[in-house]
Amino acid sequence: MEALGGGLGGLWGLNSPFRKRTDTGSKSNSKSSDSVEATSRAGYRFPLKQAVTAGSLALAGDTIAQLSERWRKGKALNQNTVSDSHGFTKDVMSTLLSDHDWLRALRMISYGFLFYGPGSYAWYQYLDRCMPKQTVENVMLKVLLNQIVLGPSVIAVVFAWNNLWQGKFLQLLEKYQKDALPTLLYGFRFWIPVSALNFWVVPLQARVAFMSMGSIFWNFCLSSTMSK
């Protein structure tokens, strides 16, 4: 189951995008509202920075997943055949540095670049247009919508994308039945607190970056699930 408009530095250095508007319509509108309004006036433009960042962090999560899998495999293969720790370490490191599945990595990169980065950025813009005020009710509603709309959508897309690349599209329904619900429920435990922090603290232009940083862990989980 993100160097954006303000760069990754925006994640740490920018203030909350939600500010009260005065009755006289002063120029101190929030950066969130300005960004959304500017996008509406200019029409759709592909969010390249968000897409590149999401793709890069998808690669990071997949790389960690592949290294973890090869580490476990190398450890299992060598535990009964290598007597000294130096030989064990050498063989395991050799396993870690070889046989990287670059096609699998490309699948995850393209998913992040084409789908997650642009899609989630558009989703956060939509939520901010619908609920511009930073109230407790709005934050809770955004977190809820994130879990029941964005979460299932991400899982549906990444499963379909992976099966399409592997030429197993006809087996997609079986994959959904086997892994979709467990993956979604596992994601709830991680993403609900992360989403609450994302909507409450992080400004709009840094939200895709923040969620993609959390996605390094989540992409690790997705990549591991995809390889089953």
Protein backbone atom coordinates (compact mmCIF):
# COMPACT_ATOMS: atom_id res chain seq x y z
CA MET A 1 0.00 0.00 0.00
CA GLU A 2 7.70 12.44 -2.93
CA ALA A 3 11.70 17.01 -3.63
CA LEU A 4 8.43 18.40 -4.32
CA GLY A 5 7.28 21.91 -5.09
CA GLY A 6 9.27 23.10 -2.12
CA GLY A 7 11.90 20.37 -2.18
CA LEU A 8 12.46 17.84 0.56
CA GLY A 9 13.54 20.71 2.73
CA GLY A 10 9.91 21.79 2.67
CA LEU A 11 9.07 18.72 4.67
CA TRP A 12 11.05 19.98 7.63
CA GLY A 13 11.14 23.75 7.24
CA LEU A 14 7.71 24.91 6.10
CA ASN A 15 4.88 25.94 8.36
CA SER A 16 1.42 24.43 8.23
CA PRO A 17 -0.37 25.35 5.00
CA PHE A 18 -3.65 26.12 6.74
CA ARG A 19 -4.22 29.69 7.90
CA LYS A 20 -7.39 31.64 8.65
CA ARG A 21 -8.58 33.93 5.91
CA THR A 22 -9.64 37.46 6.78
CA ASP A 23 -12.99 38.91 5.68
CA THR A 24 -11.15 41.45 3.52
CA GLY A 25 -9.44 38.73 1.48
CA SER A 26 -5.87 39.60 2.42
CA LYS A 27 -2.88 38.17 0.57
CA SER A 28 -1.92 35.90 3.46
CA ASN A 29 -3.71 32.86 2.04
CA SER A 30 -2.21 29.48 2.76
CA LYS A 31 0.37 27.93 0.47
CA SER A 32 -1.95 24.96 0.20
CA SER A 33 -4.81 27.07 -1.17
CA ASP A 34 -2.48 29.03 -3.45
CA SER A 35 -1.09 25.80 -4.88
CA VAL A 36 -4.52 24.31 -5.48
CA GLU A 37 -5.92 27.50 -7.01
CA ALA A 38 -2.89 27.98 -9.24
CA THR A 39 -3.18 24.42 -10.48
CA SER A 40 -6.88 24.90 -11.20
CA ARG A 41 -6.21 28.06 -13.21
CA ALA A 42 -3.30 26.63 -15.15
CA GLY A 43 -4.89 23.25 -15.87
CA TYR A 44 -3.31 19.88 -15.29
CA ARG A 45 0.46 19.60 -15.40
CA PHE A 46 2.24 16.33 -14.76
CA PRO A 47 3.84 16.55 -11.27
CA LEU A 48 7.31 15.47 -12.39
CA LYS A 49 9.11 16.09 -9.10
CA GLN A 50 6.54 14.12 -7.14
CA ALA A 51 6.66 11.30 -9.69
CA VAL A 52 10.47 11.10 -9.72
CA THR A 53 10.63 11.13 -5.92
CA ALA A 54 7.94 8.46 -5.58
CA GLY A 55 9.69 6.29 -8.16
CA SER A 56 13.03 6.69 -6.40
CA LEU A 57 11.61 5.74 -3.03
CA ALA A 58 9.76 2.80 -4.55
CA LEU A 59 13.17 1.64 -5.80
CA ALA A 60 14.59 2.08 -2.30
CA GLY A 61 11.84 -0.06 -0.77
CA ASP A 62 12.24 -2.76 -3.42
CA THR A 63 16.02 -2.81 -3.00
CA ILE A 64 15.68 -3.32 0.74
CA ALA A 65 13.17 -6.11 0.10
CA GLN A 66 15.45 -7.87 -2.38
CA LEU A 67 18.50 -7.57 -0.13
CA SER A 68 16.49 -8.89 2.82
CA GLU A 69 15.26 -11.86 0.80
CA ARG A 70 18.76 -12.70 -0.47
CA TRP A 71 20.19 -12.34 3.02
CA ARG A 72 17.73 -14.87 4.39
CA LYS A 73 18.32 -17.18 1.45
CA GLY A 74 22.10 -16.96 1.77
CA LYS A 75 21.94 -17.55 5.50
CA ALA A 76 19.74 -20.62 5.03
CA LEU A 77 22.01 -22.08 2.34
CA ASN A 78 25.19 -21.59 4.32
CA GLN A 79 24.19 -22.36 7.88
CA ASN A 80 24.79 -26.11 7.45
CA THR A 81 27.75 -25.97 5.07
CA VAL A 82 30.04 -23.25 6.43
CA SER A 83 31.84 -23.87 9.67
CA ASP A 84 33.64 -20.55 10.22
CA SER A 85 32.03 -17.15 10.55
CA HIS A 86 34.41 -15.53 8.03
CA GLY A 87 33.40 -17.95 5.31
CA PHE A 88 29.76 -17.51 6.20
CA THR A 89 29.97 -13.73 5.97
CA LYS A 90 31.85 -13.87 2.67
CA ASP A 91 29.29 -16.20 1.07
CA VAL A 92 26.31 -14.22 2.32
CA MET A 93 27.80 -10.93 1.07
CA SER A 94 28.42 -12.56 -2.31
CA THR A 95 24.76 -13.57 -2.41
CA LEU A 96 23.64 -10.06 -1.45
CA LEU A 97 25.66 -8.42 -4.23
CA SER A 98 24.57 -10.78 -6.99
CA ASP A 99 21.38 -11.76 -8.78
CA HIS A 100 19.54 -8.48 -8.33
CA ASP A 101 16.19 -8.60 -10.12
CA TRP A 102 16.28 -5.37 -12.11
CA LEU A 103 13.03 -6.12 -13.91
CA ARG A 104 11.27 -6.35 -10.57
CA ALA A 105 12.94 -3.07 -9.57
CA LEU A 106 11.74 -1.44 -12.79
CA ARG A 107 8.19 -2.58 -12.08
CA MET A 108 8.25 -0.82 -8.72
CA ILE A 109 9.92 2.32 -10.13
CA SER A 110 7.35 2.63 -12.92
CA TYR A 111 4.51 2.11 -10.44
CA GLY A 112 5.80 4.94 -8.25
CA PHE A 113 6.56 7.26 -11.17
CA LEU A 114 3.41 6.70 -13.22
CA PHE A 115 0.79 6.00 -10.57
CA TYR A 116 1.62 6.64 -6.92
CA GLY A 117 3.40 9.99 -7.23
CA PRO A 118 0.96 11.77 -9.57
CA GLY A 119 -2.12 9.99 -8.22
CA SER A 120 -1.53 10.67 -4.54
CA TYR A 121 -0.57 14.29 -5.20
CA ALA A 122 -3.84 14.83 -7.09
CA TRP A 123 -5.68 13.08 -4.26
CA TYR A 124 -4.23 15.40 -1.59
CA GLN A 125 -5.09 18.44 -3.71
CA TYR A 126 -8.67 17.21 -3.99
CA LEU A 127 -8.94 16.67 -0.23
CA ASP A 128 -7.61 20.17 0.43
CA ARG A 129 -10.14 21.70 -1.94
CA CYS A 130 -12.98 19.85 -0.22
CA MET A 131 -11.73 20.38 3.35
CA PRO A 132 -9.44 23.44 3.45
CA LYS A 133 -9.70 24.09 7.19
CA GLN A 134 -7.43 22.29 9.62
CA THR A 135 -10.01 21.16 12.13
CA VAL A 136 -9.98 17.94 14.10
CA GLU A 137 -13.04 16.76 12.19
CA ASN A 138 -11.43 17.44 8.81
CA VAL A 139 -8.17 15.72 9.75
CA MET A 140 -10.03 12.65 11.00
CA LEU A 141 -12.16 12.57 7.84
CA LYS A 142 -9.08 12.87 5.63
CA VAL A 143 -7.39 10.00 7.46
CA LEU A 144 -10.53 7.89 7.09
CA LEU A 145 -10.86 8.68 3.37
CA ASN A 146 -7.17 7.97 2.87
CA GLN A 147 -7.65 4.46 4.25
CA ILE A 148 -10.90 3.55 2.51
CA VAL A 149 -10.16 5.19 -0.86
CA LEU A 150 -6.42 5.68 -1.42
CA GLY A 151 -5.27 2.54 0.41
CA PRO A 152 -7.40 0.02 -1.55
CA SER A 153 -6.69 1.92 -4.79
CA VAL A 154 -2.93 1.66 -4.29
CA ILE A 155 -3.13 -2.07 -3.58
CA ALA A 156 -5.43 -2.67 -6.57
CA VAL A 157 -3.15 -0.74 -8.94
CA VAL A 158 0.17 -2.20 -7.78
CA PHE A 159 -1.16 -5.78 -7.89
CA ALA A 160 -2.58 -5.23 -11.40
CA TRP A 161 0.59 -3.51 -12.61
CA ASN A 162 2.81 -6.28 -11.28
CA ASN A 163 0.70 -9.07 -12.77
CA LEU A 164 0.51 -7.25 -16.11
CA TRP A 165 4.32 -6.99 -16.28
CA GLN A 166 4.65 -10.67 -15.44
CA GLY A 167 2.10 -11.77 -18.04
CA LYS A 168 -0.19 -13.06 -15.29
CA PHE A 169 -3.11 -10.69 -15.69
CA LEU A 170 -5.60 -13.57 -15.82
CA GLN A 171 -4.40 -14.59 -12.35
CA LEU A 172 -5.08 -11.15 -10.90
CA LEU A 173 -8.37 -12.11 -9.24
CA GLU A 174 -6.64 -14.99 -7.46
CA LYS A 175 -3.90 -12.60 -6.31
CA TYR A 176 -6.50 -10.20 -4.94
CA GLN A 177 -8.28 -12.98 -3.08
CA LYS A 178 -5.06 -14.30 -1.57
CA ASP A 179 -3.11 -11.17 -0.64
CA ALA A 180 -5.19 -8.00 -1.01
CA LEU A 181 -7.12 -8.06 2.27
CA PRO A 182 -4.16 -9.12 4.50
CA THR A 183 -2.01 -6.43 2.87
CA LEU A 184 -4.73 -3.80 3.35
CA LEU A 185 -5.29 -4.68 7.02
CA TYR A 186 -1.55 -4.66 7.70
CA GLY A 187 -1.35 -1.26 6.02
CA PHE A 188 -4.06 0.18 8.26
CA ARG A 189 -1.86 -0.30 11.34
CA PHE A 190 0.98 1.62 9.73
CA TRP A 191 -0.76 4.24 7.61
CA ILE A 192 -3.44 5.51 9.99
CA PRO A 193 -0.97 7.24 12.36
CA VAL A 194 1.26 8.29 9.44
CA SER A 195 -1.73 9.78 7.58
CA ALA A 196 -2.86 11.67 10.68
CA LEU A 197 0.59 13.24 10.98
CA ASN A 198 0.65 13.94 7.25
CA PHE A 199 -2.63 15.89 7.24
CA TRP A 200 -2.10 17.62 10.57
CA VAL A 201 1.50 18.84 10.23
CA VAL A 202 2.90 18.47 6.71
CA PRO A 203 2.15 21.19 4.08
CA LEU A 204 0.47 20.18 0.82
CA GLN A 205 3.55 20.53 -1.39
CA ALA A 206 5.50 18.12 0.85
CA ARG A 207 2.79 15.55 1.50
CA VAL A 208 3.64 13.20 -1.34
CA ALA A 209 7.28 13.31 -0.21
CA PHE A 210 6.36 12.58 3.39
CA MET A 211 4.09 9.69 2.47
CA SER A 212 6.68 8.31 0.06
CA MET A 213 9.28 8.35 2.82
CA GLY A 214 6.88 6.23 4.83
CA SER A 215 6.40 4.26 1.64
CA ILE A 216 10.01 3.01 1.77
CA PHE A 217 8.76 0.68 4.47
CA TRP A 218 5.45 0.08 2.72
CA ASN A 219 7.13 -0.55 -0.64
CA PHE A 220 9.30 -3.10 1.11
CA CYS A 221 6.10 -4.87 2.18
CA LEU A 222 4.48 -4.55 -1.25
CA SER A 223 7.57 -5.75 -3.09
CA SER A 224 7.85 -8.75 -0.78
CA THR A 225 4.17 -9.54 -1.34
CA MET A 226 4.55 -9.17 -5.11
CA SER A 227 7.41 -11.69 -5.19
CA LYS A 228 5.40 -14.46 -3.54
